[in-house]
Amino acid sequence: MKKSRLYPFERNRYFYGKLLTVRDFESEQKYFNDKRRLLNRLLYGSGVLSGMQVVAVDDKTISVEMGVAIDYIGRELVIPSPVTLKLSMIEGFTNNEYKKNVYLCVAYDEKGKEPVHSVGNSAIRNDEVSEYNRVLESYRLFINEEAPAPSSFEFVRLLENVVTIYEDANVRITQRMPKYVNVGEVVEVKLVVEKTLQTPRIAFQYEYEASGFTSVGHDGTKVVFVEPGDAQETEYAVSFHVKAPQTAGVKAELSVPNQAAKLTIGDSAIPLDTNAKHSIDVLDEPVANRILKDWHERTLEQAVEGAADQSICLAKISLLQMGPTYMIEKVDRVPFDEYIESTSLLQRLAQTSRGSSLNKFYASAETHDLEYDAKPSLDVQYHPDRNEFDFKLGIPRPQHLYDEIATGTMEVALESIGKTGGFFFSRGKKNYVSEEISHGLGEGQVSVVVGLEEVDRTVLADRTSTMKKIYYGQSDVFKGTEFEPDIPNVSLGTIVYPEKGSFRIGMKLQGETESAASVIAVRWWAFKSLGAGQAAPLADDPADEGLSEAAASEQE
């Protein structure tokens, strides 16, 4: 029955006096069965229609609920009542290491029922012969210990381009992307890592090569997968996005060269001996139209008998080794999405989707800080399952002014001053240059502003009031006013050493000056240039001095 052809169709022709034999009655049944199965296969496809849930009863036992499915040549599979079985007693279970994923499958089966005595056969043979009076259309549950290839499913072949990067008994790494793309479309590429629970931690990274495609995202062409240390999963997926070329009618390629890939399983580096490559058609027509064209142009052989021996996978069962035995760790139901949806449900979903959120795109956005001198970054991820774009914008932090200002004081003693001639700083000299002063802002251009500091202390009835004054530029402009300073009239200048991160202060006495002060206090401020690589101007003119003074006051 599994390999029998469902066509062409022949039906009985009845006429008076026809001698009816077993062949005629069998042909009558086959005619109707084969027609129904052909239409099942072509109209509905293959998969679970309802029920057939698989659950773990205990560490070694599973239960399959009642349900209905259609197999890959259109035959109906019916489980009429729940069945509970020990995993080790199911056909095909030969896993002695107890550390693999195993796959519970269901297939069509026929069994004879109601044995009866055959009168015709007894006339030929002396011994008593029995024949089955009924044929029970039943099912068969069995275990496959190897996962089916993704391309073995018809809907995958129609929709996706799948390449295998690495495969052994415990690990399979595939990369999947749409079979067709439109001009300029951003498409998702998915790296899928499948493994057994007992397989050591997996790490895989590579740089893909693109011909026609351009990368989307801040990682460029680099893809990295590192299995979480505490994870207990058997399948992982990492997605990235590429943009299709702007020219239709060409093939765009995406390849994973083995020399650009690094696979580690546990502590072992695994060499890759194959170069995986996608070759994708770039279309200017809707992708759905091209997929429908492929569907319509498939041959009848491909539609009906291409997967005649394929069974329906009801569950992926993950096992853990427990000493000399095993335990069921996890059960994933219908892991390859072999379902059949009702046509009425699909019709209502299509009606609901018209003008609804299924045809709209949504966007979410978040920002994060970058260093103040970094370039802004934008990463865009598309989630096709919910029609959403996720924008992540990196914005450089502003350069805080207080991080680029340093201040300090320097005191210079007056050696001799008075009516006798007003010696300044040292006998016979009116100029003074300080030692090198480190401003603490590091290397680079800085602006240094200096001023003379005066502290005015006023004694009040209950307390002493202190007011600090800083004079910039020529202090003699205040002579004769209530703001006349009690400090010498001094001109100030600076020398900056950008490569050392230091400077010197120079002072010169302007004429003869009488002052009661014995020490001159010089207040300085150093300002780091805000623009990278740009030197801030020295505060030579009053405008610059006023601006620097305002910044210094804010710092105070």
Protein backbone atom coordinates (compact mmCIF):
# COMPACT_ATOMS: atom_id res chain seq x y z
CA MET A 1 0.00 0.00 0.00
CA LYS A 2 2.84 2.42 0.76
CA LYS A 3 4.26 2.40 -2.74
CA SER A 4 1.10 1.67 -4.69
CA ARG A 5 0.19 4.16 -7.39
CA LEU A 6 -2.97 6.17 -6.82
CA TYR A 7 -3.69 6.72 -10.51
CA PRO A 8 -4.90 6.17 -13.20
CA PHE A 9 -8.38 5.32 -11.99
CA GLU A 10 -10.42 2.33 -13.10
CA ARG A 11 -13.89 1.57 -11.88
CA ASN A 12 -16.02 -1.51 -12.27
CA ARG A 13 -18.54 -1.69 -15.06
CA TYR A 14 -21.52 -3.81 -14.12
CA PHE A 15 -23.75 -5.71 -16.53
CA TYR A 16 -26.26 -8.52 -16.26
CA GLY A 17 -24.67 -11.91 -16.01
CA LYS A 18 -21.23 -10.55 -14.99
CA LEU A 19 -19.25 -12.97 -12.83
CA LEU A 20 -18.04 -11.00 -9.82
CA THR A 21 -14.76 -12.13 -8.28
CA VAL A 22 -12.56 -10.92 -5.41
CA ARG A 23 -10.68 -8.71 -7.89
CA ASP A 24 -13.87 -6.82 -8.77
CA PHE A 25 -14.75 -6.01 -5.19
CA GLU A 26 -11.17 -4.98 -4.39
CA SER A 27 -11.14 -2.71 -7.43
CA GLU A 28 -14.36 -1.10 -6.19
CA GLN A 29 -12.74 -0.21 -2.86
CA LYS A 30 -9.46 0.89 -4.41
CA TYR A 31 -11.17 3.25 -6.83
CA PHE A 32 -12.80 5.32 -4.11
CA ASN A 33 -9.88 5.12 -1.68
CA ASP A 34 -7.28 6.23 -4.22
CA LYS A 35 -9.38 9.17 -5.43
CA ARG A 36 -9.97 10.42 -1.91
CA ARG A 37 -6.30 10.05 -0.96
CA LEU A 38 -5.10 11.89 -4.04
CA LEU A 39 -7.38 14.82 -3.27
CA ASN A 40 -6.32 14.74 0.39
CA ARG A 41 -2.70 15.04 -0.62
CA LEU A 42 -3.17 17.78 -3.21
CA LEU A 43 -5.79 19.86 -1.40
CA TYR A 44 -4.81 19.60 2.24
CA GLY A 45 -1.18 18.53 2.30
CA SER A 46 0.23 16.41 5.10
CA GLY A 47 0.33 16.71 8.86
CA VAL A 48 -1.69 16.66 12.05
CA LEU A 49 -5.30 17.79 11.76
CA SER A 50 -6.28 17.43 15.40
CA GLY A 51 -4.98 15.93 18.63
CA MET A 52 -2.07 13.46 18.79
CA GLN A 53 -0.43 15.36 21.65
CA VAL A 54 2.59 13.61 23.13
CA VAL A 55 3.31 14.02 26.84
CA ALA A 56 5.78 12.42 29.23
CA VAL A 57 4.00 10.29 31.83
CA ASP A 58 7.16 9.60 33.82
CA ASP A 59 10.91 9.41 33.22
CA LYS A 60 10.60 6.52 30.77
CA THR A 61 7.00 6.54 29.54
CA ILE A 62 5.06 8.65 27.06
CA SER A 63 1.39 9.00 26.21
CA VAL A 64 0.00 9.78 22.76
CA GLU A 65 -3.47 11.30 22.77
CA MET A 66 -6.17 10.42 20.24
CA GLY A 67 -6.15 12.40 17.01
CA VAL A 68 -6.31 12.54 13.21
CA ALA A 69 -3.61 13.20 10.61
CA ILE A 70 -3.02 12.82 6.87
CA ASP A 71 0.19 11.19 5.69
CA TYR A 72 2.35 12.10 2.71
CA ILE A 73 0.29 10.17 0.15
CA GLY A 74 -3.07 11.35 1.50
CA ARG A 75 -4.05 8.43 3.73
CA GLU A 76 -5.96 9.20 6.93
CA LEU A 77 -4.26 8.26 10.21
CA VAL A 78 -6.56 7.88 13.19
CA ILE A 79 -5.52 7.15 16.76
CA PRO A 80 -8.93 6.29 18.26
CA SER A 81 -7.89 6.25 21.92
CA PRO A 82 -4.92 7.38 24.02
CA VAL A 83 -1.98 5.00 24.11
CA THR A 84 0.72 4.81 26.79
CA LEU A 85 4.04 3.15 26.01
CA LYS A 86 7.45 2.63 27.53
CA LEU A 87 9.92 4.47 25.33
CA SER A 88 12.30 1.50 25.25
CA MET A 89 9.48 -0.78 23.98
CA ILE A 90 8.68 1.35 20.92
CA GLU A 91 9.90 0.07 17.57
CA GLY A 92 13.21 1.60 16.50
CA PHE A 93 14.49 2.54 19.96
CA THR A 94 18.06 1.19 20.01
CA ASN A 95 19.80 4.06 21.77
CA ASN A 96 22.23 2.36 24.13
CA GLU A 97 24.05 5.55 25.12
CA TYR A 98 20.83 7.27 26.20
CA LYS A 99 22.05 10.72 25.32
CA LYS A 100 20.42 11.55 22.02
CA ASN A 101 17.32 13.29 20.84
CA VAL A 102 14.90 10.70 19.48
CA TYR A 103 11.90 11.39 17.26
CA LEU A 104 8.50 9.74 17.75
CA CYS A 105 6.80 9.22 14.38
CA VAL A 106 3.45 7.87 13.22
CA ALA A 107 2.71 6.08 9.92
CA TYR A 108 -0.24 4.46 8.23
CA ASP A 109 -0.69 0.72 8.83
CA GLU A 110 -3.25 -1.95 8.02
CA LYS A 111 -4.08 -5.01 10.12
CA GLY A 112 -6.28 -8.04 9.49
CA LYS A 113 -9.26 -8.48 11.81
CA GLU A 114 -11.92 -11.13 12.51
CA PRO A 115 -10.37 -14.40 11.24
CA VAL A 116 -13.00 -16.73 9.76
CA HIS A 117 -12.97 -20.17 8.16
CA SER A 118 -12.36 -20.03 4.42
CA VAL A 119 -14.71 -22.45 2.62
CA GLY A 120 -13.02 -21.98 -0.75
CA ASN A 121 -9.52 -22.67 0.51
CA SER A 122 -10.64 -25.79 2.39
CA ALA A 123 -11.68 -27.37 -0.90
CA ILE A 124 -8.11 -27.09 -2.13
CA ARG A 125 -6.23 -27.80 1.09
CA ASN A 126 -6.87 -30.49 3.64
CA ASP A 127 -5.96 -28.43 6.70
CA GLU A 128 -8.32 -25.83 8.05
CA VAL A 129 -7.61 -22.39 6.60
CA SER A 130 -8.72 -19.03 8.03
CA GLU A 131 -8.93 -15.62 6.39
CA TYR A 132 -9.43 -12.19 7.92
CA ASN A 133 -12.94 -10.93 7.47
CA ARG A 134 -12.00 -7.25 7.91
CA VAL A 135 -9.04 -4.93 7.28
CA LEU A 136 -8.42 -2.44 10.09
CA GLU A 137 -6.98 0.86 8.88
CA SER A 138 -4.65 1.57 11.75
CA TYR A 139 -1.36 3.33 12.59
CA ARG A 140 2.16 2.47 13.64
CA LEU A 141 4.26 4.34 16.19
CA PHE A 142 8.04 4.09 15.92
CA ILE A 143 11.24 5.90 16.83
CA ASN A 144 13.73 7.58 14.49
CA GLU A 145 17.05 8.42 16.08
CA GLU A 146 18.16 10.78 13.31
CA ALA A 147 16.45 14.07 12.66
CA PRO A 148 15.01 14.51 9.17
CA ALA A 149 16.78 17.00 6.92
CA PRO A 150 14.94 20.36 6.77
CA SER A 151 14.80 20.15 2.96
CA SER A 152 12.82 16.90 3.16
CA PHE A 153 9.69 18.93 3.90
CA GLU A 154 7.86 20.29 0.88
CA PHE A 155 6.91 23.64 2.44
CA VAL A 156 10.56 24.22 3.39
CA ARG A 157 11.73 23.47 -0.16
CA LEU A 158 9.22 25.96 -1.53
CA LEU A 159 9.92 28.80 0.91
CA GLU A 160 13.49 28.52 2.15
CA ASN A 161 17.03 28.01 0.99
CA VAL A 162 18.76 25.75 3.53
CA VAL A 163 22.44 24.84 3.64
CA THR A 164 24.19 22.54 6.09
CA ILE A 165 27.37 23.93 7.62
CA TYR A 166 28.20 21.01 9.93
CA GLU A 167 26.57 17.72 10.91
CA ASP A 168 27.49 14.68 13.00
CA ALA A 169 25.59 12.23 15.19
CA ASN A 170 24.97 14.79 17.95
CA VAL A 171 25.18 18.24 16.32
CA ARG A 172 23.71 19.81 13.20
CA ILE A 173 24.31 23.43 12.17
CA THR A 174 22.28 24.83 9.30
CA GLN A 175 21.73 28.27 7.88
CA ARG A 176 18.34 29.24 6.46
CA MET A 177 17.08 32.21 4.48
CA PRO A 178 14.20 32.94 2.07
CA LYS A 179 14.41 31.20 -1.30
CA TYR A 180 13.44 34.40 -3.15
CA VAL A 181 13.91 38.09 -2.28
CA ASN A 182 12.66 41.31 -3.79
CA VAL A 183 14.84 44.14 -5.02
CA GLY A 184 16.33 46.08 -2.10
CA GLU A 185 14.53 43.94 0.49
CA VAL A 186 15.99 43.44 3.96
CA VAL A 187 15.78 39.71 4.70
CA GLU A 188 16.48 37.62 7.77
CA VAL A 189 19.16 34.93 7.74
CA LYS A 190 18.88 32.40 10.54
CA LEU A 191 21.69 30.24 11.91
CA VAL A 192 20.16 27.15 13.58
CA VAL A 193 22.19 25.00 15.98
CA GLU A 194 20.66 21.64 16.95
CA LYS A 195 22.31 19.40 19.52
CA THR A 196 21.70 16.72 22.10
CA LEU A 197 21.44 17.63 25.75
CA GLN A 198 24.64 15.81 26.64
CA THR A 199 26.72 17.48 23.94
CA PRO A 200 29.27 19.90 25.46
CA ARG A 201 28.89 23.63 25.11
CA ILE A 202 29.05 24.87 21.53
CA ALA A 203 30.63 28.08 20.24
CA PHE A 204 30.58 29.01 16.57
CA GLN A 205 31.64 32.15 14.77
CA TYR A 206 32.32 33.02 11.16
CA GLU A 207 32.46 35.85 8.67
CA TYR A 208 30.23 35.38 5.66
CA GLU A 209 31.02 36.50 2.15
CA ALA A 210 28.31 38.26 0.17
CA SER A 211 27.95 38.80 -3.55
CA GLY A 212 25.07 41.22 -4.15
CA PHE A 213 23.92 41.25 -0.54
CA THR A 214 25.04 43.98 1.86
CA SER A 215 25.13 43.55 5.62
CA VAL A 216 22.69 45.38 7.90
CA GLY A 217 23.74 46.08 11.49
CA HIS A 218 26.81 47.18 13.42
CA ASP A 219 28.45 43.71 13.43
CA GLY A 220 29.14 43.78 9.70
CA THR A 221 29.69 40.31 8.23
CA LYS A 222 30.61 38.65 11.53
CA VAL A 223 28.20 36.16 13.13
CA VAL A 224 28.82 34.81 16.63
CA PHE A 225 26.97 32.08 18.57
CA VAL A 226 27.96 31.10 22.10
CA GLU A 227 25.75 28.64 23.94
CA PRO A 228 24.77 29.93 27.39
CA GLY A 229 26.54 28.03 30.13
CA ASP A 230 23.36 27.28 32.13
CA ALA A 231 21.08 26.52 29.16
CA GLN A 232 19.25 23.22 28.78
CA GLU A 233 18.01 23.63 25.22
CA THR A 234 18.54 21.40 22.21
CA GLU A 235 17.98 24.05 19.55
CA TYR A 236 19.23 27.62 19.24
CA ALA A 237 18.81 30.25 16.55
CA VAL A 238 20.85 33.37 15.80
CA SER A 239 19.48 35.86 13.27
CA PHE A 240 21.12 38.60 11.24
CA HIS A 241 19.94 40.66 8.30
CA VAL A 242 21.19 41.43 4.82
CA LYS A 243 19.89 43.74 2.11
CA ALA A 244 19.21 42.46 -1.39
CA PRO A 245 20.71 44.18 -4.44
CA GLN A 246 18.79 46.79 -6.41
CA THR A 247 18.89 44.78 -9.65
CA ALA A 248 16.23 42.19 -10.50
CA GLY A 249 16.81 39.01 -12.48
CA VAL A 250 20.18 38.23 -10.88
CA LYS A 251 21.35 35.75 -8.29
CA ALA A 252 22.75 37.04 -5.02
CA GLU A 253 25.05 34.77 -3.07
CA LEU A 254 25.85 34.37 0.60
CA SER A 255 28.58 31.90 1.53
CA VAL A 256 30.32 30.66 4.68
CA PRO A 257 33.94 29.82 3.76
CA ASN A 258 35.35 27.10 6.01
CA GLN A 259 38.59 29.02 6.50
CA ALA A 260 36.60 31.95 7.95
CA ALA A 261 34.67 29.77 10.43
CA LYS A 262 35.63 28.55 13.88
CA LEU A 263 33.60 25.80 15.58
CA THR A 264 34.28 24.64 19.13
CA ILE A 265 32.44 21.79 20.85
CA GLY A 266 33.50 21.63 24.48
CA ASP A 267 37.27 22.09 24.45
CA SER A 268 37.75 20.68 20.96
CA ALA A 269 38.17 22.78 17.83
CA ILE A 270 36.26 21.11 14.99
CA PRO A 271 37.55 21.59 11.43
CA LEU A 272 34.98 22.33 8.74
CA ASP A 273 35.52 20.73 5.33
CA THR A 274 32.58 22.19 3.40
CA ASN A 275 31.85 25.66 2.09
CA ALA A 276 28.15 26.41 2.57
CA LYS A 277 26.59 28.74 0.01
CA HIS A 278 23.16 30.26 -0.62
CA SER A 279 22.22 31.26 -4.16
CA ILE A 280 19.09 33.43 -4.07
CA ASP A 281 16.98 34.75 -6.96
CA VAL A 282 16.30 38.51 -6.82
CA LEU A 283 12.81 39.31 -8.12
CA ASP A 284 10.87 42.42 -9.06
CA GLU A 285 7.55 40.53 -8.82
CA PRO A 286 5.95 39.60 -5.48
CA VAL A 287 7.69 36.64 -3.88
CA ALA A 288 4.32 34.96 -3.24
CA ASN A 289 3.65 34.89 -6.99
CA ARG A 290 6.93 33.09 -7.65
CA ILE A 291 6.25 30.54 -4.91
CA LEU A 292 2.79 29.87 -6.34
CA LYS A 293 4.36 29.43 -9.77
CA ASP A 294 6.73 26.80 -8.36
CA TRP A 295 3.77 25.09 -6.71
CA HIS A 296 1.77 24.99 -9.92
CA GLU A 297 4.68 23.75 -12.04
CA ARG A 298 5.59 20.78 -9.89
CA THR A 299 4.93 17.41 -11.50
CA LEU A 300 2.33 14.96 -10.29
CA GLU A 301 5.11 12.58 -9.30
CA GLN A 302 6.62 15.28 -7.09
CA ALA A 303 3.24 16.15 -5.60
CA VAL A 304 2.12 12.62 -4.78
CA GLU A 305 4.94 10.14 -4.57
CA GLY A 306 7.95 12.30 -3.86
CA ALA A 307 7.65 11.64 -0.14
CA ALA A 308 5.63 8.43 -0.10
CA ASP A 309 7.84 6.84 2.57
CA GLN A 310 7.94 9.93 4.78
CA SER A 311 6.25 9.71 8.15
CA ILE A 312 4.81 12.42 10.41
CA CYS A 313 6.96 13.37 13.38
CA LEU A 314 4.80 13.83 16.47
CA ALA A 315 7.52 14.73 19.00
CA LYS A 316 11.19 15.32 19.62
CA ILE A 317 12.14 13.62 22.88
CA SER A 318 15.33 14.71 24.65
CA LEU A 319 17.00 12.07 26.79
CA LEU A 320 19.48 12.36 29.64
CA GLN A 321 21.86 9.60 30.66
CA MET A 322 21.37 8.51 34.26
CA GLY A 323 24.11 5.98 34.97
CA PRO A 324 23.30 2.78 33.09
CA THR A 325 19.83 3.98 32.06
CA TYR A 326 18.11 7.15 30.85
CA MET A 327 15.35 9.58 31.65
CA ILE A 328 13.08 11.74 29.51
CA GLU A 329 14.17 15.34 29.96
CA LYS A 330 11.92 17.17 27.52
CA VAL A 331 9.21 16.58 24.91
CA ASP A 332 8.72 19.02 22.02
CA ARG A 333 5.48 18.44 20.15
CA VAL A 334 5.45 18.38 16.31
CA PRO A 335 8.95 19.89 16.08
CA PHE A 336 8.81 20.41 12.32
CA ASP A 337 5.40 22.14 12.24
CA GLU A 338 3.64 19.36 10.35
CA TYR A 339 0.12 20.71 10.79
CA ILE A 340 -2.89 21.08 8.52
CA GLU A 341 -5.10 24.10 9.16
CA SER A 342 -8.79 24.14 8.38
CA THR A 343 -9.67 25.99 5.17
CA SER A 344 -12.48 27.85 6.94
CA LEU A 345 -10.00 28.98 9.62
CA LEU A 346 -7.53 30.19 6.99
CA GLN A 347 -10.33 32.06 5.22
CA ARG A 348 -11.31 33.87 8.40
CA LEU A 349 -7.70 34.66 9.20
CA ALA A 350 -7.34 36.17 5.73
CA GLN A 351 -10.43 38.29 6.29
CA THR A 352 -9.14 39.41 9.66
CA SER A 353 -5.77 40.36 8.21
CA ARG A 354 -7.24 42.75 5.64
CA GLY A 355 -6.57 46.21 7.01
CA SER A 356 -5.50 44.77 10.34
CA SER A 357 -2.24 44.80 12.19
CA LEU A 358 -0.96 41.80 10.20
CA ASN A 359 -0.39 44.11 7.22
CA LYS A 360 1.18 46.93 9.21
CA PHE A 361 4.71 47.46 10.35
CA TYR A 362 5.61 48.53 13.84
CA ALA A 363 8.76 50.04 15.20
CA SER A 364 10.37 50.13 18.60
CA ALA A 365 13.42 52.18 19.45
CA GLU A 366 15.89 52.51 22.26
CA THR A 367 19.02 54.56 22.76
CA HIS A 368 22.26 53.91 24.58
CA ASP A 369 25.25 56.07 25.46
CA LEU A 370 28.58 56.02 23.65
CA GLU A 371 31.84 57.73 24.54
CA TYR A 372 31.70 61.43 23.83
CA ASP A 373 34.19 61.19 20.94
CA ALA A 374 32.60 58.09 19.31
CA LYS A 375 30.57 58.14 16.12
CA PRO A 376 26.78 57.70 16.40
CA SER A 377 25.60 54.16 15.58
CA LEU A 378 22.33 52.70 14.32
CA ASP A 379 21.41 49.00 14.46
CA VAL A 380 18.16 47.81 12.84
CA GLN A 381 16.62 44.39 13.49
CA TYR A 382 13.50 43.10 11.75
CA HIS A 383 11.20 40.59 13.50
CA PRO A 384 9.00 39.02 10.80
CA ASP A 385 6.90 37.14 13.33
CA ARG A 386 5.39 40.42 14.54
CA ASN A 387 6.14 42.78 11.61
CA GLU A 388 8.32 44.95 13.82
CA PHE A 389 11.51 46.90 13.26
CA ASP A 390 13.74 47.36 16.30
CA PHE A 391 15.96 50.45 16.13
CA LYS A 392 18.89 50.79 18.51
CA LEU A 393 20.55 54.21 18.37
CA GLY A 394 23.89 54.91 20.00
CA ILE A 395 24.38 58.59 20.87
CA PRO A 396 27.74 59.97 22.04
CA ARG A 397 27.62 61.42 25.53
CA PRO A 398 28.10 65.21 25.71
CA GLN A 399 31.52 66.36 26.83
CA HIS A 400 30.98 67.65 30.35
CA LEU A 401 32.71 70.96 30.88
CA TYR A 402 33.76 70.24 34.43
CA ASP A 403 35.67 67.21 33.26
CA GLU A 404 37.85 69.51 31.15
CA ILE A 405 38.68 72.24 33.68
CA ALA A 406 41.45 72.36 36.24
CA THR A 407 42.26 75.18 38.66
CA GLY A 408 44.82 76.01 41.28
CA THR A 409 46.74 78.80 43.02
CA MET A 410 50.36 79.85 43.13
CA GLU A 411 51.84 82.14 45.77
CA VAL A 412 54.85 84.41 45.12
CA ALA A 413 56.59 86.18 48.01
CA LEU A 414 57.59 89.82 47.67
CA GLU A 415 61.23 90.11 48.79
CA SER A 416 61.33 93.87 49.26
CA ILE A 417 58.92 96.66 48.58
CA GLY A 418 58.52 100.19 49.85
CA LYS A 419 59.39 103.79 49.39
CA THR A 420 63.03 103.13 48.55
CA GLY A 421 62.46 102.06 45.02
CA GLY A 422 60.03 99.17 45.02
CA PHE A 423 62.16 96.09 44.32
CA PHE A 424 59.89 93.39 42.97
CA PHE A 425 60.24 89.58 43.50
CA SER A 426 64.01 89.62 43.72
CA ARG A 427 66.48 92.43 44.17
CA GLY A 428 67.05 94.38 40.99
CA LYS A 429 64.50 92.46 38.88
CA LYS A 430 60.93 93.19 37.90
CA ASN A 431 60.17 89.88 36.08
CA TYR A 432 59.31 86.45 37.50
CA VAL A 433 58.73 83.09 35.75
CA SER A 434 57.35 80.15 37.71
CA GLU A 435 58.42 76.53 37.61
CA GLU A 436 56.46 74.13 35.38
CA ILE A 437 52.95 73.57 36.74
CA SER A 438 51.04 70.36 35.81
CA HIS A 439 47.39 71.17 35.10
CA GLY A 440 46.24 67.51 35.32
CA LEU A 441 44.24 67.47 32.04
CA GLY A 442 46.75 65.36 30.18
CA GLU A 443 48.42 66.01 26.89
CA GLY A 444 46.88 68.28 24.28
CA GLN A 445 46.03 71.90 23.75
CA VAL A 446 44.65 73.82 26.72
CA SER A 447 43.85 77.47 27.39
CA VAL A 448 45.21 78.93 30.63
CA VAL A 449 43.63 81.97 32.31
CA VAL A 450 45.38 83.66 35.25
CA GLY A 451 44.35 86.40 37.66
CA LEU A 452 45.45 88.03 40.90
CA GLU A 453 43.51 86.92 43.94
CA GLU A 454 42.69 89.23 46.83
CA VAL A 455 40.92 88.28 50.04
CA ASP A 456 39.04 91.10 51.77
CA ARG A 457 38.22 90.39 55.40
CA THR A 458 35.70 92.70 57.10
CA VAL A 459 35.12 92.47 60.85
CA LEU A 460 31.45 92.80 61.75
CA ALA A 461 29.83 92.91 65.16
CA ASP A 462 29.27 89.19 65.50
CA ARG A 463 31.52 87.60 62.90
CA THR A 464 34.26 88.11 60.38
CA SER A 465 33.13 88.30 56.72
CA THR A 466 35.49 87.10 54.00
CA MET A 467 35.07 88.05 50.37
CA LYS A 468 37.39 86.81 47.63
CA LYS A 469 38.17 88.93 44.56
CA ILE A 470 40.07 87.91 41.44
CA TYR A 471 41.41 90.59 39.11
CA TYR A 472 42.01 89.80 35.43
CA GLY A 473 43.97 91.94 33.03
CA GLN A 474 45.29 95.38 34.19
CA SER A 475 44.22 95.96 37.77
CA ASP A 476 45.19 99.65 37.66
CA VAL A 477 41.99 100.45 35.79
CA PHE A 478 40.29 100.35 39.19
CA LYS A 479 42.72 102.91 40.69
CA GLY A 480 40.94 105.76 42.40
CA THR A 481 37.68 103.84 42.82
CA GLU A 482 36.20 101.97 45.73
CA PHE A 483 37.32 98.76 43.98
CA GLU A 484 41.03 99.68 43.95
CA PRO A 485 42.95 96.50 44.84
CA ASP A 486 45.52 96.31 47.62
CA ILE A 487 47.87 94.27 45.46
CA PRO A 488 50.71 95.29 43.13
CA ASN A 489 49.98 96.25 39.54
CA VAL A 490 51.22 93.16 37.70
CA SER A 491 51.02 91.96 34.09
CA LEU A 492 50.54 88.18 33.70
CA GLY A 493 51.33 85.75 30.90
CA THR A 494 51.53 82.00 30.35
CA ILE A 495 53.55 79.44 28.40
CA VAL A 496 51.75 76.12 27.60
CA TYR A 497 53.53 72.81 26.86
CA PRO A 498 50.85 70.66 25.09
CA GLU A 499 53.04 67.55 24.91
CA LYS A 500 53.90 67.69 28.62
CA GLY A 501 50.52 68.67 30.03
CA SER A 502 52.07 71.61 31.91
CA PHE A 503 52.56 75.38 31.75
CA ARG A 504 54.47 78.30 33.32
CA ILE A 505 53.21 81.64 34.62
CA GLY A 506 55.18 84.82 33.98
CA MET A 507 54.67 88.13 35.89
CA LYS A 508 56.03 91.64 35.35
CA LEU A 509 55.76 94.66 37.68
CA GLN A 510 54.21 97.70 35.99
CA GLY A 511 56.00 100.73 37.46
CA GLU A 512 56.60 101.39 41.14
CA THR A 513 53.91 99.95 43.34
CA GLU A 514 53.29 100.24 47.04
CA SER A 515 51.39 97.39 48.66
CA ALA A 516 50.91 96.05 52.14
CA ALA A 517 50.82 92.50 50.81
CA SER A 518 53.91 90.35 51.27
CA VAL A 519 52.63 87.50 49.11
CA ILE A 520 50.93 87.63 45.73
CA ALA A 521 48.37 84.89 45.18
CA VAL A 522 47.84 83.95 41.52
CA ARG A 523 44.75 81.94 40.62
CA TRP A 524 44.88 79.92 37.36
CA TRP A 525 42.37 77.94 35.31
CA ALA A 526 43.21 75.45 32.55
CA PHE A 527 40.56 74.64 29.93
CA LYS A 528 40.83 71.53 27.73
CA SER A 529 39.96 72.07 24.08
CA LEU A 530 36.41 70.68 23.53
CA GLY A 531 36.97 69.79 19.88
CA ALA A 532 39.17 66.71 19.29
CA GLY A 533 42.52 67.85 17.96
CA GLN A 534 41.57 71.56 18.08
CA ALA A 535 43.46 74.04 20.14
CA ALA A 536 41.41 76.53 22.13
CA PRO A 537 42.63 80.14 21.78
CA LEU A 538 44.46 81.86 24.57
CA ALA A 539 42.45 84.42 26.49
CA ASP A 540 44.31 87.49 25.23
CA ASP A 541 41.40 89.82 24.74
CA PRO A 542 38.77 90.97 27.23
CA ALA A 543 36.04 88.90 25.54
CA ASP A 544 37.98 85.67 26.01
CA GLU A 545 38.85 86.65 29.55
CA GLY A 546 35.23 87.36 30.41
CA LEU A 547 34.12 84.02 28.98
CA SER A 548 36.81 82.19 30.93
CA GLU A 549 35.94 84.06 34.07
CA ALA A 550 32.28 83.05 33.75
CA ALA A 551 33.28 79.39 33.37
CA ALA A 552 35.58 79.69 36.35
CA SER A 553 32.84 81.23 38.46
CA GLU A 554 30.57 78.29 37.60
CA GLN A 555 33.30 75.92 38.71
CA GLU A 556 33.66 77.80 41.98
